[in-house]
Each structure stands twice: as C-alpha cells, then as structure tokens.
Amino acid sequence: MKISKWTIVRTIMTALVIVNLILKSFGISVINVSENSVVAFVEVAVEIAAIACSWWYNNSFTEKAKKADEFFKSLKENGEQDV
C-alpha cells in the first residue's frame, strides 16, 4: 500500500504541533506565532482560495463556449448520465 505525500505532510505537521504544545507547557516557545502572522496567513489563504474557485468553474466568455455550455446542460437535462 502506498502512502500519499499529503498523509506524510499532515503527520509531520501534527507531530510539530504536539511537540510545540509539550514545549509550551514547559515554558519553551519553539514555534512563536504572532497574531499578525496568523492574520496575514488567513488573508493569503482566502485570496488563494478565491482565485482557485474562480478558475475551477467553467468561465465561458466566447459565444462558442456559451453554446457548448447550453448543449452540455441540455444533455444533462435529457438524462445523459455519462456526461
């Protein structure tokens, strides 16, 4: 069985958080995060998500693309399950 790279990344991140929690309980701050850093990270994450969402969905600008969208929609409405 092959383990995905994202599983490994999540496991490492979880381990880092646990180590940081243990060290913080002893008064040692290894991963020092300020409120400004968190705000900046959240802003960037939201901006990237907005960009990804805007391009994920079909953005039809030309007349041919709009006609193709209508054709695809009619296929779906007529019961074409494999579309």
PDB file of N, CA and C in Angstrom:
ATOM      1  N   MET A   1       0.842  -1.180   0.000  1.00  0.00           N
ATOM      2  CA  MET A   1       0.000   0.000   0.000  1.00  0.00           C
ATOM      3  C   MET A   1       0.885   1.240   0.000  1.00  0.00           C
ATOM      4  N   LYS A   2       0.566   2.177  -0.865  1.00  0.00           N
ATOM      5  CA  LYS A   2       1.350   3.401  -0.995  1.00  0.00           C
ATOM      6  C   LYS A   2       0.723   4.510  -0.153  1.00  0.00           C
ATOM      7  N   ILE A   3       1.539   5.173   0.639  1.00  0.00           N
ATOM      8  CA  ILE A   3       1.082   6.290   1.463  1.00  0.00           C
ATOM      9  C   ILE A   3       1.261   7.571   0.662  1.00  0.00           C
ATOM     10  N   SER A   4       0.206   8.388   0.625  1.00  0.00           N
ATOM     11  CA  SER A   4       0.280   9.618  -0.164  1.00  0.00           C
ATOM     12  C   SER A   4       1.191  10.633   0.524  1.00  0.00           C
ATOM     13  N   LYS A   5       1.729  11.529  -0.279  1.00  0.00           N
ATOM     14  CA  LYS A   5       2.620  12.548   0.270  1.00  0.00           C
ATOM     15  C   LYS A   5       1.869  13.482   1.212  1.00  0.00           C
ATOM     16  N   TRP A   6       0.572  13.699   0.964  1.00  0.00           N
ATOM     17  CA  TRP A   6      -0.210  14.581   1.827  1.00  0.00           C
ATOM     18  C   TRP A   6      -0.451  13.954   3.199  1.00  0.00           C
ATOM     19  N   THR A   7      -0.545  12.627   3.252  1.00  0.00           N
ATOM     20  CA  THR A   7      -0.654  11.950   4.544  1.00  0.00           C
ATOM     21  C   THR A   7       0.612  12.160   5.349  1.00  0.00           C
ATOM     22  N   ILE A   8       1.749  12.070   4.693  1.00  0.00           N
ATOM     23  CA  ILE A   8       3.030  12.285   5.366  1.00  0.00           C
ATOM     24  C   ILE A   8       3.143  13.736   5.842  1.00  0.00           C
ATOM     25  N   VAL A   9       2.744  14.681   5.006  1.00  0.00           N
ATOM     26  CA  VAL A   9       2.807  16.100   5.390  1.00  0.00           C
ATOM     27  C   VAL A   9       1.915  16.359   6.597  1.00  0.00           C
ATOM     28  N   ARG A  10       0.681  15.836   6.575  1.00  0.00           N
ATOM     29  CA  ARG A  10      -0.230  16.041   7.704  1.00  0.00           C
ATOM     30  C   ARG A  10       0.313  15.411   8.978  1.00  0.00           C
ATOM     31  N   THR A  11       0.937  14.244   8.860  1.00  0.00           N
ATOM     32  CA  THR A  11       1.514  13.579  10.031  1.00  0.00           C
ATOM     33  C   THR A  11       2.657  14.398  10.620  1.00  0.00           C
ATOM     34  N   ILE A  12       3.515  14.929   9.767  1.00  0.00           N
ATOM     35  CA  ILE A  12       4.629  15.761  10.240  1.00  0.00           C
ATOM     36  C   ILE A  12       4.102  17.030  10.901  1.00  0.00           C
ATOM     37  N   MET A  13       3.105  17.658  10.287  1.00  0.00           N
ATOM     38  CA  MET A  13       2.534  18.873  10.872  1.00  0.00           C
ATOM     39  C   MET A  13       1.899  18.589  12.232  1.00  0.00           C
ATOM     40  N   THR A  14       1.213  17.468  12.351  1.00  0.00           N
ATOM     41  CA  THR A  14       0.618  17.089  13.638  1.00  0.00           C
ATOM     42  C   THR A  14       1.693  16.866  14.682  1.00  0.00           C
ATOM     43  N   ALA A  15       2.778  16.195  14.296  1.00  0.00           N
ATOM     44  CA  ALA A  15       3.883  15.959  15.226  1.00  0.00           C
ATOM     45  C   ALA A  15       4.497  17.285  15.681  1.00  0.00           C
ATOM     46  N   LEU A  16       4.665  18.226  14.762  1.00  0.00           N
ATOM     47  CA  LEU A  16       5.207  19.537  15.124  1.00  0.00           C
ATOM     48  C   LEU A  16       4.305  20.270  16.115  1.00  0.00           C
ATOM     49  N   VAL A  17       3.016  20.185  15.901  1.00  0.00           N
ATOM     50  CA  VAL A  17       2.082  20.846  16.810  1.00  0.00           C
ATOM     51  C   VAL A  17       2.137  20.205  18.193  1.00  0.00           C
ATOM     52  N   ILE A  18       2.206  18.883  18.243  1.00  0.00           N
ATOM     53  CA  ILE A  18       2.277  18.186  19.536  1.00  0.00           C
ATOM     54  C   ILE A  18       3.565  18.547  20.269  1.00  0.00           C
ATOM     55  N   VAL A  19       4.684  18.552  19.554  1.00  0.00           N
ATOM     56  CA  VAL A  19       5.963  18.922  20.176  1.00  0.00           C
ATOM     57  C   VAL A  19       5.897  20.358  20.688  1.00  0.00           C
ATOM     58  N   ASN A  20       5.325  21.249  19.889  1.00  0.00           N
ATOM     59  CA  ASN A  20       5.204  22.643  20.305  1.00  0.00           C
ATOM     60  C   ASN A  20       4.325  22.764  21.554  1.00  0.00           C
ATOM     61  N   LEU A  21       3.226  22.017  21.617  1.00  0.00           N
ATOM     62  CA  LEU A  21       2.358  22.053  22.800  1.00  0.00           C
ATOM     63  C   LEU A  21       3.084  21.565  24.056  1.00  0.00           C
ATOM     64  N   ILE A  22       3.850  20.508  23.904  1.00  0.00           N
ATOM     65  CA  ILE A  22       4.597  19.979  25.049  1.00  0.00           C
ATOM     66  C   ILE A  22       5.641  20.982  25.514  1.00  0.00           C
ATOM     67  N   LEU A  23       6.373  21.553  24.583  1.00  0.00           N
ATOM     68  CA  LEU A  23       7.401  22.523  24.942  1.00  0.00           C
ATOM     69  C   LEU A  23       6.788  23.786  25.558  1.00  0.00           C
ATOM     70  N   LYS A  24       5.629  24.220  25.038  1.00  0.00           N
ATOM     71  CA  LYS A  24       4.963  25.388  25.612  1.00  0.00           C
ATOM     72  C   LYS A  24       4.520  25.109  27.051  1.00  0.00           C
ATOM     73  N   SER A  25       4.145  23.872  27.340  1.00  0.00           N
ATOM     74  CA  SER A  25       3.730  23.550  28.705  1.00  0.00           C
ATOM     75  C   SER A  25       4.896  23.651  29.685  1.00  0.00           C
ATOM     76  N   PHE A  26       6.125  23.524  29.172  1.00  0.00           N
ATOM     77  CA  PHE A  26       7.327  23.688  29.994  1.00  0.00           C
ATOM     78  C   PHE A  26       7.894  25.100  29.903  1.00  0.00           C
ATOM     79  N   GLY A  27       7.184  26.006  29.223  1.00  0.00           N
ATOM     80  CA  GLY A  27       7.615  27.394  29.139  1.00  0.00           C
ATOM     81  C   GLY A  27       8.606  27.683  28.025  1.00  0.00           C
ATOM     82  N   ILE A  28       8.804  26.741  27.121  1.00  0.00           N
ATOM     83  CA  ILE A  28       9.723  26.937  25.994  1.00  0.00           C
ATOM     84  C   ILE A  28       8.887  27.131  24.735  1.00  0.00           C
ATOM     85  N   SER A  29       9.088  28.258  24.058  1.00  0.00           N
ATOM     86  CA  SER A  29       8.324  28.544  22.848  1.00  0.00           C
ATOM     87  C   SER A  29       9.210  28.345  21.630  1.00  0.00           C
ATOM     88  N   VAL A  30       8.987  27.242  20.911  1.00  0.00           N
ATOM     89  CA  VAL A  30       9.783  26.938  19.723  1.00  0.00           C
ATOM     90  C   VAL A  30       9.153  27.579  18.492  1.00  0.00           C
ATOM     91  N   ILE A  31       7.873  27.374  18.342  1.00  0.00           N
ATOM     92  CA  ILE A  31       7.158  27.957  17.210  1.00  0.00           C
ATOM     93  C   ILE A  31       6.409  29.165  17.750  1.00  0.00           C
ATOM     94  N   ASN A  32       6.998  30.309  17.564  1.00  0.00           N
ATOM     95  CA  ASN A  32       6.436  31.543  18.092  1.00  0.00           C
ATOM     96  C   ASN A  32       5.601  32.208  17.003  1.00  0.00           C
ATOM     97  N   VAL A  33       4.305  32.260  17.200  1.00  0.00           N
ATOM     98  CA  VAL A  33       3.401  32.810  16.196  1.00  0.00           C
ATOM     99  C   VAL A  33       2.719  34.041  16.767  1.00  0.00           C
ATOM    100  N   SER A  34       2.815  35.135  16.028  1.00  0.00           N
ATOM    101  CA  SER A  34       2.142  36.352  16.465  1.00  0.00           C
ATOM    102  C   SER A  34       0.766  36.440  15.810  1.00  0.00           C
ATOM    103  N   GLU A  35      -0.064  37.298  16.370  1.00  0.00           N
ATOM    104  CA  GLU A  35      -1.411  37.463  15.828  1.00  0.00           C
ATOM    105  C   GLU A  35      -1.357  38.014  14.409  1.00  0.00           C
ATOM    106  N   ASN A  36      -0.414  38.894  14.134  1.00  0.00           N
ATOM    107  CA  ASN A  36      -0.268  39.456  12.787  1.00  0.00           C
ATOM    108  C   ASN A  36       0.096  38.392  11.759  1.00  0.00           C
ATOM    109  N   SER A  37       0.907  37.431  12.173  1.00  0.00           N
ATOM    110  CA  SER A  37       1.281  36.346  11.264  1.00  0.00           C
ATOM    111  C   SER A  37       0.067  35.504  10.909  1.00  0.00           C
ATOM    112  N   VAL A  38      -0.768  35.225  11.898  1.00  0.00           N
ATOM    113  CA  VAL A  38      -1.964  34.431  11.652  1.00  0.00           C
ATOM    114  C   VAL A  38      -2.914  35.174  10.725  1.00  0.00           C
ATOM    115  N   VAL A  39      -3.107  36.455  10.957  1.00  0.00           N
ATOM    116  CA  VAL A  39      -3.991  37.262  10.116  1.00  0.00           C
ATOM    117  C   VAL A  39      -3.468  37.292   8.680  1.00  0.00           C
ATOM    118  N   ALA A  40      -2.184  37.497   8.522  1.00  0.00           N
ATOM    119  CA  ALA A  40      -1.596  37.530   7.183  1.00  0.00           C
ATOM    120  C   ALA A  40      -1.774  36.185   6.480  1.00  0.00           C
ATOM    121  N   PHE A  41      -1.569  35.091   7.205  1.00  0.00           N
ATOM    122  CA  PHE A  41      -1.727  33.755   6.620  1.00  0.00           C
ATOM    123  C   PHE A  41      -3.172  33.522   6.187  1.00  0.00           C
ATOM    124  N   VAL A  42      -4.120  33.887   7.027  1.00  0.00           N
ATOM    125  CA  VAL A  42      -5.538  33.687   6.701  1.00  0.00           C
ATOM    126  C   VAL A  42      -5.925  34.520   5.480  1.00  0.00           C
ATOM    127  N   GLU A  43      -5.442  35.762   5.417  1.00  0.00           N
ATOM    128  CA  GLU A  43      -5.737  36.606   4.262  1.00  0.00           C
ATOM    129  C   GLU A  43      -5.212  35.987   2.975  1.00  0.00           C
ATOM    130  N   VAL A  44      -3.988  35.507   3.003  1.00  0.00           N
ATOM    131  CA  VAL A  44      -3.404  34.889   1.810  1.00  0.00           C
ATOM    132  C   VAL A  44      -4.164  33.618   1.446  1.00  0.00           C
ATOM    133  N   ALA A  45      -4.539  32.823   2.444  1.00  0.00           N
ATOM    134  CA  ALA A  45      -5.281  31.588   2.179  1.00  0.00           C
ATOM    135  C   ALA A  45      -6.632  31.882   1.531  1.00  0.00           C
ATOM    136  N   VAL A  46      -7.331  32.902   2.018  1.00  0.00           N
ATOM    137  CA  VAL A  46      -8.625  33.278   1.443  1.00  0.00           C
ATOM    138  C   VAL A  46      -8.447  33.785   0.016  1.00  0.00           C
ATOM    139  N   GLU A  47      -7.409  34.574  -0.211  1.00  0.00           N
ATOM    140  CA  GLU A  47      -7.160  35.096  -1.562  1.00  0.00           C
ATOM    141  C   GLU A  47      -6.845  33.968  -2.530  1.00  0.00           C
ATOM    142  N   ILE A  48      -6.020  33.021  -2.112  1.00  0.00           N
ATOM    143  CA  ILE A  48      -5.688  31.882  -2.979  1.00  0.00           C
ATOM    144  C   ILE A  48      -6.926  31.035  -3.241  1.00  0.00           C
ATOM    145  N   ALA A  49      -7.749  30.820  -2.225  1.00  0.00           N
ATOM    146  CA  ALA A  49      -8.982  30.049  -2.402  1.00  0.00           C
ATOM    147  C   ALA A  49      -9.922  30.739  -3.385  1.00  0.00           C
ATOM    148  N   ALA A  50     -10.023  32.061  -3.292  1.00  0.00           N
ATOM    149  CA  ALA A  50     -10.890  32.807  -4.216  1.00  0.00           C
ATOM    150  C   ALA A  50     -10.386  32.683  -5.652  1.00  0.00           C
ATOM    151  N   ILE A  51      -9.086  32.781  -5.831  1.00  0.00           N
ATOM    152  CA  ILE A  51      -8.507  32.640  -7.172  1.00  0.00           C
ATOM    153  C   ILE A  51      -8.755  31.236  -7.711  1.00  0.00           C
ATOM    154  N   ALA A  52      -8.527  30.219  -6.877  1.00  0.00           N
ATOM    155  CA  ALA A  52      -8.721  28.831  -7.307  1.00  0.00           C
ATOM    156  C   ALA A  52     -10.180  28.567  -7.666  1.00  0.00           C
ATOM    157  N   CYS A  53     -11.101  29.071  -6.858  1.00  0.00           N
ATOM    158  CA  CYS A  53     -12.533  28.865  -7.133  1.00  0.00           C
ATOM    159  C   CYS A  53     -12.960  29.557  -8.414  1.00  0.00           C
ATOM    160  N   SER A  54     -12.440  30.735  -8.634  1.00  0.00           N
ATOM    161  CA  SER A  54     -12.852  31.470  -9.833  1.00  0.00           C
ATOM    162  C   SER A  54     -12.396  30.771 -11.109  1.00  0.00           C
ATOM    163  N   TRP A  55     -11.303  30.059 -11.075  1.00  0.00           N
ATOM    164  CA  TRP A  55     -10.830  29.357 -12.257  1.00  0.00           C
ATOM    165  C   TRP A  55     -11.248  27.904 -12.290  1.00  0.00           C
ATOM    166  N   TRP A  56     -11.713  27.357 -11.179  1.00  0.00           N
ATOM    167  CA  TRP A  56     -12.149  25.963 -11.149  1.00  0.00           C
ATOM    168  C   TRP A  56     -13.421  25.800 -11.970  1.00  0.00           C
ATOM    169  N   TYR A  57     -14.333  26.741 -11.809  1.00  0.00           N
ATOM    170  CA  TYR A  57     -15.596  26.658 -12.514  1.00  0.00           C
ATOM    171  C   TYR A  57     -15.427  27.128 -13.946  1.00  0.00           C
ATOM    172  N   ASN A  58     -16.306  26.646 -14.789  1.00  0.00           N
ATOM    173  CA  ASN A  58     -16.226  26.951 -16.209  1.00  0.00           C
ATOM    174  C   ASN A  58     -16.556  28.423 -16.435  1.00  0.00           C
ATOM    175  N   ASN A  59     -15.606  29.161 -16.948  1.00  0.00           N
ATOM    176  CA  ASN A  59     -15.801  30.570 -17.245  1.00  0.00           C
ATOM    177  C   ASN A  59     -15.905  30.741 -18.754  1.00  0.00           C
ATOM    178  N   SER A  60     -17.121  30.755 -19.235  1.00  0.00           N
ATOM    179  CA  SER A  60     -17.343  30.835 -20.676  1.00  0.00           C
ATOM    180  C   SER A  60     -17.503  32.295 -21.090  1.00  0.00           C
ATOM    181  N   PHE A  61     -16.569  32.758 -21.914  1.00  0.00           N
ATOM    182  CA  PHE A  61     -16.591  34.138 -22.370  1.00  0.00           C
ATOM    183  C   PHE A  61     -17.009  34.239 -23.839  1.00  0.00           C
ATOM    184  N   THR A  62     -16.577  33.292 -24.655  1.00  0.00           N
ATOM    185  CA  THR A  62     -16.881  33.378 -26.081  1.00  0.00           C
ATOM    186  C   THR A  62     -18.258  32.801 -26.373  1.00  0.00           C
ATOM    187  N   GLU A  63     -18.797  33.139 -27.536  1.00  0.00           N
ATOM    188  CA  GLU A  63     -20.114  32.621 -27.942  1.00  0.00           C
ATOM    189  C   GLU A  63     -20.073  31.098 -28.106  1.00  0.00           C
ATOM    190  N   LYS A  64     -18.977  30.577 -28.677  1.00  0.00           N
ATOM    191  CA  LYS A  64     -18.862  29.130 -28.849  1.00  0.00           C
ATOM    192  C   LYS A  64     -18.872  28.411 -27.502  1.00  0.00           C
ATOM    193  N   ALA A  65     -18.190  28.970 -26.533  1.00  0.00           N
ATOM    194  CA  ALA A  65     -18.159  28.357 -25.205  1.00  0.00           C
ATOM    195  C   ALA A  65     -19.530  28.397 -24.554  1.00  0.00           C
ATOM    196  N   LYS A  66     -20.248  29.504 -24.734  1.00  0.00           N
ATOM    197  CA  LYS A  66     -21.594  29.619 -24.170  1.00  0.00           C
ATOM    198  C   LYS A  66     -22.542  28.614 -24.818  1.00  0.00           C
ATOM    199  N   LYS A  67     -22.422  28.420 -26.134  1.00  0.00           N
ATOM    200  CA  LYS A  67     -23.249  27.433 -26.835  1.00  0.00           C
ATOM    201  C   LYS A  67     -22.911  26.019 -26.363  1.00  0.00           C
ATOM    202  N   ALA A  68     -21.642  25.757 -26.153  1.00  0.00           N
ATOM    203  CA  ALA A  68     -21.233  24.444 -25.655  1.00  0.00           C
ATOM    204  C   ALA A  68     -21.791  24.188 -24.261  1.00  0.00           C
ATOM    205  N   ASP A  69     -21.824  25.217 -23.427  1.00  0.00           N
ATOM    206  CA  ASP A  69     -22.415  25.089 -22.091  1.00  0.00           C
ATOM    207  C   ASP A  69     -23.900  24.748 -22.182  1.00  0.00           C
ATOM    208  N   GLU A  70     -24.602  25.426 -23.079  1.00  0.00           N
ATOM    209  CA  GLU A  70     -26.027  25.147 -23.256  1.00  0.00           C
ATOM    210  C   GLU A  70     -26.247  23.719 -23.752  1.00  0.00           C
ATOM    211  N   PHE A  71     -25.408  23.273 -24.683  1.00  0.00           N
ATOM    212  CA  PHE A  71     -25.511  21.910 -25.200  1.00  0.00           C
ATOM    213  C   PHE A  71     -25.270  20.897 -24.083  1.00  0.00           C
ATOM    214  N   PHE A  72     -24.264  21.121 -23.288  1.00  0.00           N
ATOM    215  CA  PHE A  72     -23.948  20.229 -22.170  1.00  0.00           C
ATOM    216  C   PHE A  72     -25.101  20.206 -21.167  1.00  0.00           C
ATOM    217  N   LYS A  73     -25.667  21.362 -20.893  1.00  0.00           N
ATOM    218  CA  LYS A  73     -26.801  21.461 -19.966  1.00  0.00           C
ATOM    219  C   LYS A  73     -27.990  20.669 -20.498  1.00  0.00           C
ATOM    220  N   SER A  74     -28.258  20.774 -21.807  1.00  0.00           N
ATOM    221  CA  SER A  74     -29.390  20.040 -22.391  1.00  0.00           C
ATOM    222  C   SER A  74     -29.145  18.533 -22.331  1.00  0.00           C
ATOM    223  N   LEU A  75     -27.910  18.098 -22.495  1.00  0.00           N
ATOM    224  CA  LEU A  75     -27.614  16.679 -22.365  1.00  0.00           C
ATOM    225  C   LEU A  75     -27.896  16.182 -20.958  1.00  0.00           C
ATOM    226  N   LYS A  76     -27.507  16.959 -19.958  1.00  0.00           N
ATOM    227  CA  LYS A  76     -27.763  16.594 -18.578  1.00  0.00           C
ATOM    228  C   LYS A  76     -29.258  16.517 -18.298  1.00  0.00           C
ATOM    229  N   GLU A  77     -30.010  17.490 -18.809  1.00  0.00           N
ATOM    230  CA  GLU A  77     -31.446  17.530 -18.554  1.00  0.00           C
ATOM    231  C   GLU A  77     -32.184  16.406 -19.249  1.00  0.00           C
ATOM    232  N   ASN A  78     -31.640  15.892 -20.346  1.00  0.00           N
ATOM    233  CA  ASN A  78     -32.293  14.819 -21.096  1.00  0.00           C
ATOM    234  C   ASN A  78     -31.909  13.444 -20.576  1.00  0.00           C
ATOM    235  N   GLY A  79     -31.235  13.384 -19.457  1.00  0.00           N
ATOM    236  CA  GLY A  79     -30.952  12.098 -18.824  1.00  0.00           C
ATOM    237  C   GLY A  79     -29.658  11.445 -19.226  1.00  0.00           C
ATOM    238  N   GLU A  80     -28.773  12.145 -19.865  1.00  0.00           N
ATOM    239  CA  GLU A  80     -27.466  11.588 -20.195  1.00  0.00           C
ATOM    240  C   GLU A  80     -26.651  11.491 -18.904  1.00  0.00           C
ATOM    241  N   GLN A  81     -26.488  10.302 -18.355  1.00  0.00           N
ATOM    242  CA  GLN A  81     -25.821  10.123 -17.074  1.00  0.00           C
ATOM    243  C   GLN A  81     -24.300  10.123 -17.186  1.00  0.00           C
ATOM    244  N   ASP A  82     -23.773   9.801 -18.342  1.00  0.00           N
ATOM    245  CA  ASP A  82     -22.317   9.678 -18.502  1.00  0.00           C
ATOM    246  C   ASP A  82     -21.658  10.995 -18.886  1.00  0.00           C
ATOM    247  N   VAL A  83     -22.374  12.089 -18.841  1.00  0.00           N
ATOM    248  CA  VAL A  83     -21.828  13.367 -19.279  1.00  0.00           C
ATOM    249  C   VAL A  83     -21.209  14.073 -18.101  1.00  0.00           C
TER     250      VAL A  83
END
